[in-house]
Amino acid sequence: MDAYERAIRLLAVREHTEKEIRQKLSAKGYSAEEIDCAVSKLAAEKSLSEERFAESYIRSRLRKSPEGKSILRMRLKEKGTPSDVADSALSAAWERGDYLNPLSLYYSTLVRRKGEEGARAVLLRKGFRESEIREAVSAAEREACEGECIDVE
């Protein structure tokens, strides 16, 4: 199997950064020339996209274990995502409020296990700002109220 075919198989499983593809192909013994050729071809046909990787990675991390923008930015950088791409994807996700529902659910779970102060401390360590935590707490309270509150008019 040539480097391009191996890279296509990797991308069929999940999005990757160029850095990850290069590392994985190198670990399989492909030459730098073969890797350069494969990466160029993948980029030209838009099979390899730093933007798609960043968006997918952010969604996945928020779903599994919510983290704030600063930590996600650091993780994306470690994966090899260019700073401008990471910043753009994070800004878009935060503008859409993609973090709110996962953060709200995570906060509710943490409160049951650690109490309010413990939950806030965990979320601050995970890179969330106080304003984001307040917003998630409000969302969690609204959701809890929807199940229990009766509208009186």
Protein backbone atom coordinates (compact mmCIF):
# COMPACT_ATOMS: atom_id res chain seq x y z
CA MET A 1 0.00 0.00 0.00
CA ASP A 2 1.43 3.39 -0.89
CA ALA A 3 1.53 6.40 1.44
CA TYR A 4 -1.49 8.06 -0.18
CA GLU A 5 -3.67 4.95 0.23
CA ARG A 6 -2.56 4.55 3.85
CA ALA A 7 -3.42 8.21 4.53
CA ILE A 8 -6.86 7.81 2.92
CA ARG A 9 -7.54 4.87 5.23
CA LEU A 10 -6.53 6.96 8.25
CA LEU A 11 -8.80 9.81 7.13
CA ALA A 12 -11.69 7.40 6.59
CA VAL A 13 -11.67 6.69 10.34
CA ARG A 14 -11.46 10.32 11.51
CA GLU A 15 -10.13 13.72 10.53
CA HIS A 16 -6.39 14.25 11.06
CA THR A 17 -4.03 17.19 10.94
CA GLU A 18 -1.22 17.24 8.44
CA LYS A 19 1.20 16.76 11.34
CA GLU A 20 -0.61 13.60 12.47
CA ILE A 21 -0.70 12.15 8.95
CA ARG A 22 3.01 12.84 8.50
CA GLN A 23 3.84 11.22 11.86
CA LYS A 24 1.75 8.13 11.19
CA LEU A 25 3.10 7.63 7.68
CA SER A 26 6.65 8.13 8.90
CA ALA A 27 6.10 5.56 11.65
CA LYS A 28 5.00 3.08 8.96
CA GLY A 29 8.32 3.58 7.18
CA TYR A 30 7.35 5.77 4.25
CA SER A 31 10.02 8.12 2.91
CA ALA A 32 9.79 11.90 3.30
CA GLU A 33 9.28 12.18 -0.47
CA GLU A 34 6.37 9.69 -0.44
CA ILE A 35 4.81 11.50 2.51
CA ASP A 36 5.18 14.94 0.86
CA CYS A 37 3.56 13.61 -2.31
CA ALA A 38 0.66 12.01 -0.41
CA VAL A 39 0.04 15.11 1.72
CA SER A 40 0.13 17.38 -1.35
CA LYS A 41 -2.38 15.20 -3.17
CA LEU A 42 -4.68 15.01 -0.12
CA ALA A 43 -4.57 18.78 0.35
CA ALA A 44 -5.22 19.43 -3.36
CA GLU A 45 -8.32 17.22 -3.36
CA LYS A 46 -9.46 18.68 0.02
CA SER A 47 -9.33 15.28 1.73
CA LEU A 48 -7.03 16.75 4.35
CA SER A 49 -8.46 19.82 6.06
CA GLU A 50 -7.11 21.52 9.16
CA GLU A 51 -10.44 23.38 9.48
CA ARG A 52 -12.53 20.20 9.44
CA PHE A 53 -10.15 18.59 11.91
CA ALA A 54 -10.41 21.54 14.31
CA GLU A 55 -14.23 21.62 14.15
CA SER A 56 -14.50 17.86 14.62
CA TYR A 57 -11.98 17.83 17.47
CA ILE A 58 -13.74 20.66 19.32
CA ARG A 59 -17.14 18.92 19.02
CA SER A 60 -15.66 15.66 20.23
CA ARG A 61 -13.84 17.17 23.22
CA LEU A 62 -16.89 19.16 24.27
CA ARG A 63 -19.04 16.04 24.10
CA LYS A 64 -16.64 13.76 26.01
CA SER A 65 -15.16 16.04 28.63
CA PRO A 66 -15.89 19.75 28.20
CA GLU A 67 -12.90 22.08 28.31
CA GLY A 68 -12.58 25.83 27.90
CA LYS A 69 -11.19 27.67 24.91
CA SER A 70 -7.69 28.07 26.32
CA ILE A 71 -7.23 24.35 26.92
CA LEU A 72 -8.79 23.39 23.60
CA ARG A 73 -6.50 25.88 21.84
CA MET A 74 -3.49 24.25 23.53
CA ARG A 75 -4.66 20.76 22.56
CA LEU A 76 -5.23 21.79 18.93
CA LYS A 77 -1.75 23.31 18.81
CA GLU A 78 -0.27 20.04 20.14
CA LYS A 79 -2.05 18.22 17.31
CA GLY A 80 -0.45 20.56 14.78
CA THR A 81 -3.40 22.80 13.96
CA PRO A 82 -2.26 26.26 12.82
CA SER A 83 -3.08 28.98 15.37
CA ASP A 84 -5.32 30.96 13.03
CA VAL A 85 -7.37 27.85 12.19
CA ALA A 86 -7.69 26.90 15.87
CA ASP A 87 -8.72 30.43 16.86
CA SER A 88 -11.29 30.64 14.06
CA ALA A 89 -12.84 27.25 14.88
CA LEU A 90 -12.98 28.03 18.60
CA SER A 91 -14.52 31.46 18.02
CA ALA A 92 -17.18 29.96 15.77
CA ALA A 93 -18.00 27.20 18.28
CA TRP A 94 -18.27 29.70 21.14
CA GLU A 95 -20.38 32.12 19.07
CA ARG A 96 -22.80 29.27 18.30
CA GLY A 97 -22.82 28.32 21.99
CA ASP A 98 -21.68 24.76 21.23
CA TYR A 99 -20.11 24.53 24.69
CA LEU A 100 -23.27 25.46 26.64
CA ASN A 101 -25.23 22.21 26.65
CA PRO A 102 -22.23 19.94 27.33
CA LEU A 103 -20.98 22.32 30.02
CA SER A 104 -24.42 22.49 31.61
CA LEU A 105 -24.71 18.69 31.73
CA TYR A 106 -21.17 18.33 33.05
CA TYR A 107 -21.81 20.99 35.70
CA SER A 108 -24.94 19.14 36.88
CA THR A 109 -22.96 15.91 37.21
CA LEU A 110 -20.14 17.65 39.06
CA VAL A 111 -22.54 19.35 41.49
CA ARG A 112 -24.00 15.98 42.47
CA ARG A 113 -20.50 14.57 43.10
CA LYS A 114 -18.58 17.57 44.45
CA GLY A 115 -21.08 20.27 45.40
CA GLU A 116 -21.31 23.72 43.82
CA GLU A 117 -17.92 25.03 44.91
CA GLY A 118 -16.18 21.83 43.85
CA ALA A 119 -17.92 21.90 40.48
CA ARG A 120 -16.89 25.51 39.87
CA ALA A 121 -13.29 24.73 40.86
CA VAL A 122 -13.13 21.82 38.39
CA LEU A 123 -14.57 23.94 35.57
CA LEU A 124 -12.15 26.80 36.25
CA ARG A 125 -9.25 24.31 36.13
CA LYS A 126 -10.62 23.03 32.82
CA GLY A 127 -10.26 26.48 31.31
CA PHE A 128 -13.78 27.88 31.54
CA ARG A 129 -14.29 31.51 32.45
CA GLU A 130 -16.59 32.46 35.32
CA SER A 131 -19.08 34.03 32.88
CA GLU A 132 -19.28 30.78 30.89
CA ILE A 133 -19.87 28.81 34.08
CA ARG A 134 -22.65 31.21 35.15
CA GLU A 135 -24.26 30.85 31.73
CA ALA A 136 -24.12 27.04 32.00
CA VAL A 137 -25.54 27.13 35.55
CA SER A 138 -28.45 29.24 34.30
CA ALA A 139 -29.07 26.79 31.46
CA ALA A 140 -28.97 23.84 33.89
CA GLU A 141 -31.41 25.58 36.23
CA ARG A 142 -33.79 26.40 33.36
CA GLU A 143 -33.67 22.80 32.19
CA ALA A 144 -34.34 21.47 35.71
CA CYS A 145 -37.19 23.92 36.13
CA GLU A 146 -38.80 22.89 32.82
CA GLY A 147 -39.21 19.38 34.19
CA GLU A 148 -40.52 20.47 37.59
CA CYS A 149 -42.01 23.97 37.37
CA ILE A 150 -45.64 24.60 36.54
CA ASP A 151 -46.58 27.81 34.84
CA VAL A 152 -49.16 29.62 36.97
CA GLU A 153 -51.34 32.17 35.20
